[in-house]
N, C-alpha and C. Protein backbone atom coordinates (compact mmCIF):
# COMPACT_ATOMS: atom_id res chain seq x y z
N MET A 1 101.14 124.42 148.75
CA MET A 1 102.43 124.03 148.23
C MET A 1 102.46 122.51 148.15
N SER A 2 103.01 122.00 147.12
CA SER A 2 103.11 120.57 146.91
C SER A 2 104.05 119.95 147.93
N ASP A 3 103.70 118.76 148.39
CA ASP A 3 104.56 118.04 149.32
C ASP A 3 105.87 117.61 148.67
N SER A 4 105.90 117.58 147.37
CA SER A 4 107.11 117.13 146.67
C SER A 4 107.81 118.27 145.95
N TRP A 5 107.80 119.46 146.54
CA TRP A 5 108.43 120.62 145.89
C TRP A 5 109.91 120.37 145.65
N PHE A 6 110.57 119.65 146.56
CA PHE A 6 112.00 119.39 146.38
C PHE A 6 112.24 118.55 145.14
N LYS A 7 111.44 117.49 144.98
CA LYS A 7 111.57 116.60 143.82
C LYS A 7 111.42 117.37 142.51
N PHE A 8 110.54 118.36 142.48
CA PHE A 8 110.31 119.12 141.26
C PHE A 8 111.42 120.13 140.99
N ASN A 9 112.29 120.36 141.95
CA ASN A 9 113.36 121.33 141.80
C ASN A 9 114.73 120.72 141.61
N ILE A 10 114.78 119.42 141.38
CA ILE A 10 116.06 118.78 141.07
C ILE A 10 115.95 118.06 139.74
N SER A 11 117.07 117.92 139.10
CA SER A 11 117.14 117.11 137.89
C SER A 11 118.49 116.41 137.90
N CYS A 12 118.65 115.51 136.99
CA CYS A 12 119.87 114.71 136.94
C CYS A 12 120.51 114.82 135.56
N ARG A 13 121.81 114.68 135.55
CA ARG A 13 122.55 114.57 134.29
C ARG A 13 123.23 113.21 134.32
N VAL A 14 122.86 112.36 133.39
CA VAL A 14 123.36 110.99 133.38
C VAL A 14 124.77 110.95 132.81
N GLY A 15 125.63 110.28 133.54
CA GLY A 15 126.96 109.94 133.07
C GLY A 15 126.98 108.46 132.79
N ASN A 16 127.33 107.68 133.82
CA ASN A 16 127.36 106.23 133.68
C ASN A 16 126.04 105.56 134.05
N GLY A 17 125.10 106.30 134.64
CA GLY A 17 123.78 105.78 134.96
C GLY A 17 123.72 104.93 136.21
N ASN A 18 124.78 104.91 137.00
CA ASN A 18 124.84 104.06 138.19
C ASN A 18 124.05 104.60 139.37
N ASN A 19 123.81 105.90 139.45
CA ASN A 19 123.21 106.51 140.63
C ASN A 19 121.90 107.23 140.39
N ILE A 20 121.30 107.01 139.23
CA ILE A 20 120.06 107.70 138.90
C ILE A 20 118.99 106.67 138.59
N GLY A 21 117.89 106.78 139.31
CA GLY A 21 116.77 105.87 139.09
C GLY A 21 116.14 106.12 137.72
N PHE A 22 115.90 105.05 136.99
CA PHE A 22 115.38 105.18 135.63
C PHE A 22 114.01 105.84 135.59
N SER A 23 113.10 105.39 136.44
CA SER A 23 111.71 105.85 136.33
C SER A 23 111.37 107.01 137.22
N GLN A 24 112.02 107.15 138.36
CA GLN A 24 111.56 108.07 139.37
C GLN A 24 112.23 109.44 139.36
N PHE A 25 113.26 109.63 138.58
CA PHE A 25 113.96 110.91 138.57
C PHE A 25 113.89 111.56 137.19
N LYS A 26 113.95 112.90 137.20
CA LYS A 26 114.00 113.64 135.94
C LYS A 26 115.44 113.62 135.45
N TRP A 27 115.72 112.83 134.45
CA TRP A 27 117.07 112.78 133.92
C TRP A 27 117.10 112.94 132.40
N TYR A 28 115.93 112.89 131.79
CA TYR A 28 115.85 113.07 130.34
C TYR A 28 114.58 113.86 130.07
N GLY A 29 114.71 115.18 130.04
CA GLY A 29 113.54 116.03 129.88
C GLY A 29 113.09 116.58 131.22
N ASN A 30 111.88 117.11 131.25
CA ASN A 30 111.37 117.79 132.44
C ASN A 30 110.49 116.94 133.34
N TRP A 31 110.29 115.67 132.99
CA TRP A 31 109.40 114.82 133.78
C TRP A 31 110.06 113.47 134.03
N ALA A 32 109.74 112.89 135.17
CA ALA A 32 110.16 111.52 135.45
C ALA A 32 109.28 110.59 134.63
N PHE A 33 109.84 109.45 134.23
CA PHE A 33 109.08 108.53 133.37
C PHE A 33 107.91 107.89 134.11
N CYS A 34 107.99 107.80 135.43
CA CYS A 34 106.84 107.26 136.18
C CYS A 34 105.64 108.20 136.05
N ASP A 35 105.89 109.50 135.83
CA ASP A 35 104.81 110.47 135.64
C ASP A 35 104.32 110.48 134.20
N LEU A 36 105.23 110.29 133.26
CA LEU A 36 104.86 110.29 131.84
C LEU A 36 104.17 109.00 131.40
N PHE A 37 104.62 107.88 131.96
CA PHE A 37 104.10 106.57 131.57
C PHE A 37 103.67 105.78 132.81
N PRO A 38 102.62 106.24 133.50
CA PRO A 38 102.23 105.58 134.75
C PRO A 38 101.80 104.12 134.58
N ASP A 39 101.23 103.77 133.42
CA ASP A 39 100.81 102.38 133.20
C ASP A 39 102.03 101.46 133.13
N LEU A 40 103.07 101.90 132.44
CA LEU A 40 104.30 101.10 132.37
C LEU A 40 104.97 101.01 133.74
N TYR A 41 104.98 102.12 134.44
CA TYR A 41 105.60 102.14 135.77
C TYR A 41 104.87 101.19 136.72
N ALA A 42 103.56 101.11 136.61
CA ALA A 42 102.78 100.22 137.47
C ALA A 42 103.17 98.76 137.24
N LYS A 43 103.57 98.42 136.03
CA LYS A 43 103.94 97.04 135.72
C LYS A 43 105.44 96.78 135.84
N GLU A 44 106.19 97.80 136.19
CA GLU A 44 107.63 97.65 136.40
C GLU A 44 107.86 96.75 137.60
N ALA A 45 108.61 95.66 137.42
CA ALA A 45 108.84 94.72 138.52
C ALA A 45 109.78 95.29 139.57
N ILE A 46 110.76 96.09 139.14
CA ILE A 46 111.73 96.69 140.07
C ILE A 46 111.60 98.20 139.94
N LYS A 47 110.90 98.82 140.88
CA LYS A 47 110.58 100.26 140.78
C LYS A 47 111.81 101.15 140.88
N ASN A 48 112.82 100.76 141.64
CA ASN A 48 113.98 101.63 141.85
C ASN A 48 115.19 101.23 141.01
N VAL A 49 114.96 100.72 139.84
CA VAL A 49 116.03 100.29 138.95
C VAL A 49 116.83 101.51 138.45
N MET A 50 118.12 101.33 138.29
CA MET A 50 119.00 102.42 137.83
C MET A 50 119.03 102.47 136.30
N VAL A 51 119.42 103.62 135.77
CA VAL A 51 119.47 103.82 134.33
C VAL A 51 120.36 102.77 133.66
N PHE A 52 121.54 102.51 134.21
CA PHE A 52 122.47 101.59 133.55
C PHE A 52 121.92 100.16 133.50
N GLU A 53 120.98 99.83 134.41
CA GLU A 53 120.40 98.49 134.41
C GLU A 53 119.36 98.33 133.30
N ARG A 54 118.80 99.42 132.83
CA ARG A 54 117.82 99.36 131.75
C ARG A 54 118.47 99.49 130.37
N LEU A 55 119.49 100.30 130.27
CA LEU A 55 120.12 100.56 128.98
C LEU A 55 121.53 99.99 129.00
N ARG A 56 121.73 98.92 128.27
CA ARG A 56 123.05 98.31 128.16
C ARG A 56 123.58 98.56 126.76
N GLU A 57 124.84 98.86 126.69
CA GLU A 57 125.45 99.13 125.39
C GLU A 57 126.43 98.01 125.05
N THR A 58 126.27 97.49 123.86
CA THR A 58 127.18 96.48 123.34
C THR A 58 127.78 97.06 122.07
N GLY A 59 129.00 97.55 122.18
CA GLY A 59 129.62 98.23 121.04
C GLY A 59 128.85 99.50 120.76
N SER A 60 128.33 99.64 119.56
CA SER A 60 127.58 100.84 119.19
C SER A 60 126.07 100.60 119.27
N VAL A 61 125.66 99.45 119.77
CA VAL A 61 124.24 99.10 119.84
C VAL A 61 123.75 99.22 121.28
N SER A 62 122.62 99.90 121.46
CA SER A 62 122.00 100.01 122.78
C SER A 62 120.92 98.95 122.92
N LEU A 63 120.98 98.20 124.00
CA LEU A 63 120.01 97.15 124.25
C LEU A 63 119.16 97.51 125.46
N TRP A 64 117.85 97.34 125.34
CA TRP A 64 116.94 97.62 126.44
C TRP A 64 116.70 96.35 127.22
N ARG A 65 116.74 96.46 128.53
CA ARG A 65 116.47 95.32 129.40
C ARG A 65 115.31 95.69 130.32
N TRP A 66 114.15 95.10 130.06
CA TRP A 66 112.95 95.40 130.83
C TRP A 66 112.62 94.24 131.74
N ASN A 67 111.92 94.52 132.82
CA ASN A 67 111.51 93.50 133.77
C ASN A 67 110.09 93.83 134.22
N TRP A 68 109.12 93.20 133.58
CA TRP A 68 107.71 93.49 133.84
C TRP A 68 107.13 92.49 134.82
N SER A 69 106.25 92.95 135.69
CA SER A 69 105.59 92.08 136.65
C SER A 69 104.47 91.27 136.00
N GLU A 70 103.97 91.75 134.87
CA GLU A 70 102.95 91.03 134.10
C GLU A 70 103.02 91.48 132.65
N SER A 71 102.32 90.77 131.80
CA SER A 71 102.37 91.07 130.36
C SER A 71 101.82 92.46 130.08
N LEU A 72 102.39 93.09 129.05
CA LEU A 72 101.93 94.43 128.65
C LEU A 72 100.76 94.31 127.70
N SER A 73 99.82 95.23 127.83
CA SER A 73 98.69 95.31 126.90
C SER A 73 99.19 95.91 125.58
N GLU A 74 98.36 95.89 124.59
CA GLU A 74 98.72 96.46 123.29
C GLU A 74 99.03 97.95 123.42
N ASN A 75 98.21 98.65 124.21
CA ASN A 75 98.42 100.08 124.45
C ASN A 75 99.76 100.31 125.16
N GLU A 76 100.08 99.48 126.12
CA GLU A 76 101.34 99.62 126.86
C GLU A 76 102.55 99.31 125.99
N VAL A 77 102.41 98.38 125.06
CA VAL A 77 103.49 98.10 124.11
C VAL A 77 103.74 99.33 123.26
N GLN A 78 102.67 100.03 122.87
CA GLN A 78 102.80 101.28 122.11
C GLN A 78 103.53 102.33 122.95
N GLN A 79 103.15 102.43 124.23
CA GLN A 79 103.81 103.38 125.12
C GLN A 79 105.29 103.04 125.28
N LEU A 80 105.60 101.77 125.37
CA LEU A 80 107.00 101.34 125.48
C LEU A 80 107.78 101.73 124.24
N THR A 81 107.19 101.54 123.07
CA THR A 81 107.84 101.95 121.82
C THR A 81 108.09 103.45 121.82
N GLU A 82 107.10 104.22 122.28
CA GLU A 82 107.25 105.68 122.38
C GLU A 82 108.36 106.04 123.35
N LEU A 83 108.39 105.37 124.50
CA LEU A 83 109.42 105.62 125.50
C LEU A 83 110.81 105.34 124.95
N GLN A 84 110.99 104.19 124.33
CA GLN A 84 112.29 103.84 123.76
C GLN A 84 112.68 104.79 122.64
N GLY A 85 111.70 105.28 121.88
CA GLY A 85 111.97 106.22 120.80
C GLY A 85 112.53 107.53 121.29
N GLN A 86 112.20 107.90 122.53
CA GLN A 86 112.73 109.15 123.09
C GLN A 86 114.23 109.08 123.33
N PHE A 87 114.77 107.87 123.37
CA PHE A 87 116.19 107.70 123.68
C PHE A 87 117.06 107.43 122.47
N ASP A 88 116.53 107.61 121.27
CA ASP A 88 117.35 107.39 120.07
C ASP A 88 118.60 108.24 120.14
N GLY A 89 119.74 107.61 120.01
CA GLY A 89 121.01 108.33 120.04
C GLY A 89 121.59 108.52 121.43
N LEU A 90 120.87 108.10 122.47
CA LEU A 90 121.38 108.23 123.84
C LEU A 90 122.44 107.17 124.10
N SER A 91 123.52 107.59 124.70
CA SER A 91 124.52 106.62 125.14
C SER A 91 125.04 107.04 126.51
N LEU A 92 125.37 106.07 127.31
CA LEU A 92 125.92 106.34 128.64
C LEU A 92 127.41 106.63 128.51
N HIS A 93 127.92 107.40 129.44
CA HIS A 93 129.35 107.76 129.44
C HIS A 93 129.98 107.09 130.65
N ASN A 94 130.54 105.92 130.42
CA ASN A 94 131.04 105.09 131.52
C ASN A 94 132.12 105.76 132.35
N ASN A 95 132.83 106.72 131.79
CA ASN A 95 133.90 107.39 132.53
C ASN A 95 133.42 108.61 133.33
N ASN A 96 132.16 108.99 133.15
CA ASN A 96 131.62 110.17 133.84
C ASN A 96 130.63 109.74 134.91
N HIS A 97 130.65 110.42 136.03
CA HIS A 97 129.70 110.15 137.10
C HIS A 97 128.39 110.88 136.82
N ASP A 98 127.31 110.35 137.37
CA ASP A 98 126.02 111.03 137.30
C ASP A 98 126.09 112.30 138.15
N GLN A 99 125.33 113.30 137.76
CA GLN A 99 125.35 114.57 138.49
C GLN A 99 123.92 115.01 138.80
N TRP A 100 123.75 115.59 139.99
CA TRP A 100 122.47 116.16 140.39
C TRP A 100 122.52 117.66 140.20
N ARG A 101 121.38 118.22 139.81
CA ARG A 101 121.31 119.66 139.55
C ARG A 101 120.12 120.25 140.31
N TRP A 102 120.39 121.37 141.02
CA TRP A 102 119.35 122.12 141.73
C TRP A 102 118.84 123.18 140.76
N ILE A 103 117.64 123.02 140.26
CA ILE A 103 117.09 123.85 139.19
C ILE A 103 116.96 125.33 139.55
N PRO A 104 116.51 125.69 140.77
CA PRO A 104 116.32 127.12 141.05
C PRO A 104 117.59 127.96 141.05
N ASP A 105 118.75 127.33 141.19
CA ASP A 105 119.99 128.09 141.21
C ASP A 105 120.66 128.02 139.84
N SER A 106 121.12 129.15 139.34
CA SER A 106 121.67 129.20 137.99
C SER A 106 122.90 128.31 137.80
N ASN A 107 123.68 128.10 138.87
CA ASN A 107 124.86 127.23 138.72
C ASN A 107 124.55 125.77 139.05
N GLY A 108 123.31 125.47 139.42
CA GLY A 108 122.90 124.09 139.66
C GLY A 108 123.25 123.52 141.02
N LEU A 109 123.80 124.35 141.91
CA LEU A 109 124.20 123.88 143.23
C LEU A 109 123.13 124.20 144.26
N PHE A 110 122.87 123.24 145.13
CA PHE A 110 121.90 123.45 146.19
C PHE A 110 122.52 124.26 147.31
N THR A 111 121.80 125.28 147.76
CA THR A 111 122.18 126.02 148.96
C THR A 111 120.92 126.24 149.77
N VAL A 112 121.09 126.43 151.06
CA VAL A 112 119.94 126.71 151.92
C VAL A 112 119.28 128.02 151.48
N LYS A 113 120.09 128.99 151.09
CA LYS A 113 119.55 130.28 150.67
C LYS A 113 118.67 130.14 149.42
N SER A 114 119.12 129.36 148.43
CA SER A 114 118.31 129.20 147.22
C SER A 114 117.04 128.42 147.52
N SER A 115 117.12 127.46 148.44
CA SER A 115 115.93 126.72 148.85
C SER A 115 114.95 127.64 149.56
N TYR A 116 115.46 128.46 150.46
CA TYR A 116 114.64 129.42 151.19
C TYR A 116 113.97 130.40 150.22
N THR A 117 114.73 130.92 149.28
CA THR A 117 114.18 131.85 148.28
C THR A 117 113.09 131.17 147.46
N ASN A 118 113.34 129.93 147.07
CA ASN A 118 112.36 129.18 146.31
C ASN A 118 111.07 128.98 147.10
N LEU A 119 111.19 128.63 148.36
CA LEU A 119 110.01 128.45 149.21
C LEU A 119 109.26 129.77 149.40
N LEU A 120 110.00 130.85 149.59
CA LEU A 120 109.34 132.16 149.72
C LEU A 120 108.55 132.50 148.46
N ASP A 121 109.13 132.23 147.31
CA ASP A 121 108.43 132.48 146.05
C ASP A 121 107.13 131.68 145.98
N LEU A 122 107.19 130.42 146.41
CA LEU A 122 105.98 129.60 146.42
C LEU A 122 104.94 130.14 147.39
N TRP A 123 105.41 130.57 148.56
CA TRP A 123 104.48 131.11 149.55
C TRP A 123 103.83 132.40 149.06
N GLN A 124 104.58 133.21 148.32
CA GLN A 124 104.00 134.44 147.80
C GLN A 124 102.81 134.13 146.91
N VAL A 125 102.90 133.06 146.16
CA VAL A 125 101.80 132.66 145.30
C VAL A 125 100.64 132.15 146.15
N GLU A 126 100.95 131.39 147.20
CA GLU A 126 99.91 130.76 148.00
C GLU A 126 99.28 131.67 149.04
N LEU A 127 100.07 132.56 149.62
CA LEU A 127 99.54 133.39 150.69
C LEU A 127 98.63 134.47 150.14
N GLN A 128 97.48 134.60 150.76
CA GLN A 128 96.53 135.62 150.34
C GLN A 128 96.89 136.98 150.93
N ASP A 129 97.44 136.95 152.13
CA ASP A 129 97.73 138.18 152.86
C ASP A 129 99.21 138.54 152.70
N ALA A 130 99.50 139.61 151.99
CA ALA A 130 100.88 140.04 151.76
C ALA A 130 101.57 140.44 153.06
N HIS A 131 100.80 140.87 154.04
CA HIS A 131 101.38 141.26 155.32
C HIS A 131 101.99 140.07 156.05
N VAL A 132 101.38 138.90 155.91
CA VAL A 132 101.93 137.70 156.54
C VAL A 132 103.31 137.40 155.97
N LEU A 133 103.47 137.50 154.66
CA LEU A 133 104.76 137.26 154.03
C LEU A 133 105.80 138.26 154.53
N GLU A 134 105.41 139.51 154.64
CA GLU A 134 106.33 140.54 155.14
C GLU A 134 106.78 140.23 156.57
N VAL A 135 105.83 139.79 157.39
CA VAL A 135 106.16 139.45 158.78
C VAL A 135 107.09 138.24 158.82
N ILE A 136 106.85 137.25 157.98
CA ILE A 136 107.71 136.07 157.94
C ILE A 136 109.14 136.46 157.52
N GLN A 137 109.26 137.33 156.54
CA GLN A 137 110.58 137.76 156.10
C GLN A 137 111.31 138.50 157.22
N ARG A 138 110.61 139.33 157.94
CA ARG A 138 111.22 140.04 159.07
C ARG A 138 111.57 139.08 160.20
N LEU A 139 110.70 138.12 160.41
CA LEU A 139 110.88 137.16 161.48
C LEU A 139 112.22 136.43 161.38
N TRP A 140 112.57 135.96 160.21
CA TRP A 140 113.79 135.18 160.04
C TRP A 140 115.05 136.05 160.13
N LYS A 141 114.87 137.33 160.01
CA LYS A 141 116.03 138.23 160.13
C LYS A 141 116.19 138.78 161.54
N SER A 142 115.28 138.42 162.44
CA SER A 142 115.32 138.95 163.81
C SER A 142 116.31 138.16 164.66
N ASP A 143 116.67 138.74 165.79
CA ASP A 143 117.65 138.13 166.69
C ASP A 143 116.97 137.42 167.86
N VAL A 144 115.92 136.69 167.59
CA VAL A 144 115.25 135.93 168.66
C VAL A 144 115.73 134.49 168.58
N PRO A 145 115.58 133.73 169.64
CA PRO A 145 115.99 132.32 169.60
C PRO A 145 115.27 131.55 168.49
N SER A 146 115.95 130.57 167.93
CA SER A 146 115.39 129.84 166.79
C SER A 146 114.07 129.16 167.13
N LYS A 147 113.89 128.68 168.36
CA LYS A 147 112.63 128.04 168.70
C LYS A 147 111.47 129.05 168.68
N VAL A 148 111.75 130.31 168.98
CA VAL A 148 110.72 131.35 168.88
C VAL A 148 110.41 131.62 167.41
N ASN A 149 111.45 131.66 166.58
CA ASN A 149 111.26 131.83 165.13
C ASN A 149 110.38 130.73 164.56
N VAL A 150 110.72 129.49 164.88
CA VAL A 150 109.97 128.36 164.34
C VAL A 150 108.52 128.38 164.82
N PHE A 151 108.32 128.64 166.11
CA PHE A 151 106.95 128.72 166.64
C PHE A 151 106.16 129.81 165.93
N SER A 152 106.76 130.99 165.79
CA SER A 152 106.07 132.12 165.15
C SER A 152 105.76 131.81 163.69
N TRP A 153 106.71 131.21 163.01
CA TRP A 153 106.54 130.85 161.61
C TRP A 153 105.38 129.88 161.46
N ARG A 154 105.34 128.85 162.30
CA ARG A 154 104.25 127.88 162.24
C ARG A 154 102.91 128.53 162.59
N LEU A 155 102.93 129.44 163.55
CA LEU A 155 101.71 130.15 163.93
C LEU A 155 101.17 130.97 162.77
N LEU A 156 102.03 131.71 162.10
CA LEU A 156 101.61 132.56 160.98
C LEU A 156 101.06 131.74 159.81
N LEU A 157 101.58 130.54 159.63
CA LEU A 157 101.13 129.70 158.52
C LEU A 157 100.05 128.68 158.92
N ASN A 158 99.52 128.85 160.13
CA ASN A 158 98.50 127.92 160.64
C ASN A 158 98.99 126.48 160.61
N ARG A 159 100.22 126.27 161.06
CA ARG A 159 100.82 124.94 161.05
C ARG A 159 101.17 124.44 162.46
N LEU A 160 100.55 125.03 163.47
CA LEU A 160 100.80 124.58 164.83
C LEU A 160 100.11 123.24 165.07
N PRO A 161 100.77 122.35 165.81
CA PRO A 161 100.15 121.04 166.08
C PRO A 161 99.11 121.14 167.20
N THR A 162 98.01 121.77 166.93
CA THR A 162 96.95 121.92 167.93
C THR A 162 96.23 120.57 168.09
N ARG A 163 95.41 120.49 169.13
CA ARG A 163 94.67 119.25 169.37
C ARG A 163 93.82 118.87 168.16
N ALA A 164 93.22 119.87 167.51
CA ALA A 164 92.36 119.58 166.34
C ALA A 164 93.19 119.02 165.18
N THR A 165 94.35 119.63 164.89
CA THR A 165 95.16 119.11 163.77
C THR A 165 95.76 117.75 164.11
N LEU A 166 96.15 117.55 165.35
CA LEU A 166 96.67 116.25 165.75
C LEU A 166 95.58 115.18 165.65
N HIS A 167 94.36 115.54 166.03
CA HIS A 167 93.24 114.61 165.90
C HIS A 167 93.00 114.27 164.43
N HIS A 168 93.10 115.26 163.56
CA HIS A 168 92.94 115.04 162.12
C HIS A 168 94.00 114.06 161.61
N ARG A 169 95.25 114.20 162.08
CA ARG A 169 96.31 113.30 161.67
C ARG A 169 96.04 111.88 162.13
N VAL A 170 95.49 111.73 163.34
CA VAL A 170 95.14 110.39 163.83
C VAL A 170 94.11 109.77 162.91
N MET A 171 93.12 110.55 162.52
CA MET A 171 92.08 110.03 161.64
C MET A 171 92.64 109.71 160.26
N LYS A 172 93.56 110.53 159.77
CA LYS A 172 94.08 110.36 158.42
C LYS A 172 95.14 109.26 158.36
N TYR A 173 96.05 109.23 159.33
CA TYR A 173 97.19 108.33 159.27
C TYR A 173 97.11 107.17 160.26
N GLY A 174 96.16 107.22 161.19
CA GLY A 174 96.00 106.14 162.13
C GLY A 174 97.07 106.06 163.20
N THR A 175 97.76 107.13 163.45
CA THR A 175 98.83 107.16 164.46
C THR A 175 98.44 108.13 165.55
N LYS A 176 98.65 107.73 166.78
CA LYS A 176 98.31 108.60 167.89
C LYS A 176 99.50 109.51 168.21
N PHE A 177 99.28 110.82 168.19
CA PHE A 177 100.34 111.79 168.38
C PHE A 177 100.32 112.44 169.76
N TYR A 178 99.25 112.28 170.54
CA TYR A 178 99.14 112.97 171.81
C TYR A 178 98.36 112.09 172.78
N PRO A 179 98.60 112.27 174.07
CA PRO A 179 97.85 111.47 175.03
C PRO A 179 96.40 111.95 175.16
N GLY A 180 95.53 111.05 175.50
CA GLY A 180 94.14 111.45 175.78
C GLY A 180 93.21 111.09 174.77
């Protein structure tokens, strides 16, 4: 399962553009612009810039305001033209707030249940043993203490913080998680 499953299950609807990051969120189409145009994103001077800071409207004319950390290559200028072309006819709605949408739920609202269902669907694809999934589903419906549920869940998914996995984390991240 991807570490960014949550990011892939949300999208934005732009109103005034004050609360939605221009490059890092899906707000126009199915992909964030940092994923579609990684070369441009690499040269973006302010990575967390908001939509309204990039697109300014003066009357009926939309003006682009870019801030590059270095000059764009010829190829990147072409990409920028392509990017700007995707927004022909786009205008911000200053009286409307930006809205977040939870994609897995038909009404767009995030709930723990829809998140849980989404994760189960992902696990069904990833898990080789159907019996493990059945046990996990039964586990969460049982009347045992939550710490027993969490321990069992981690055990079934091979996610227990054993000495070997903790040692691997030290090697990978350089942080000591256990004594000795």
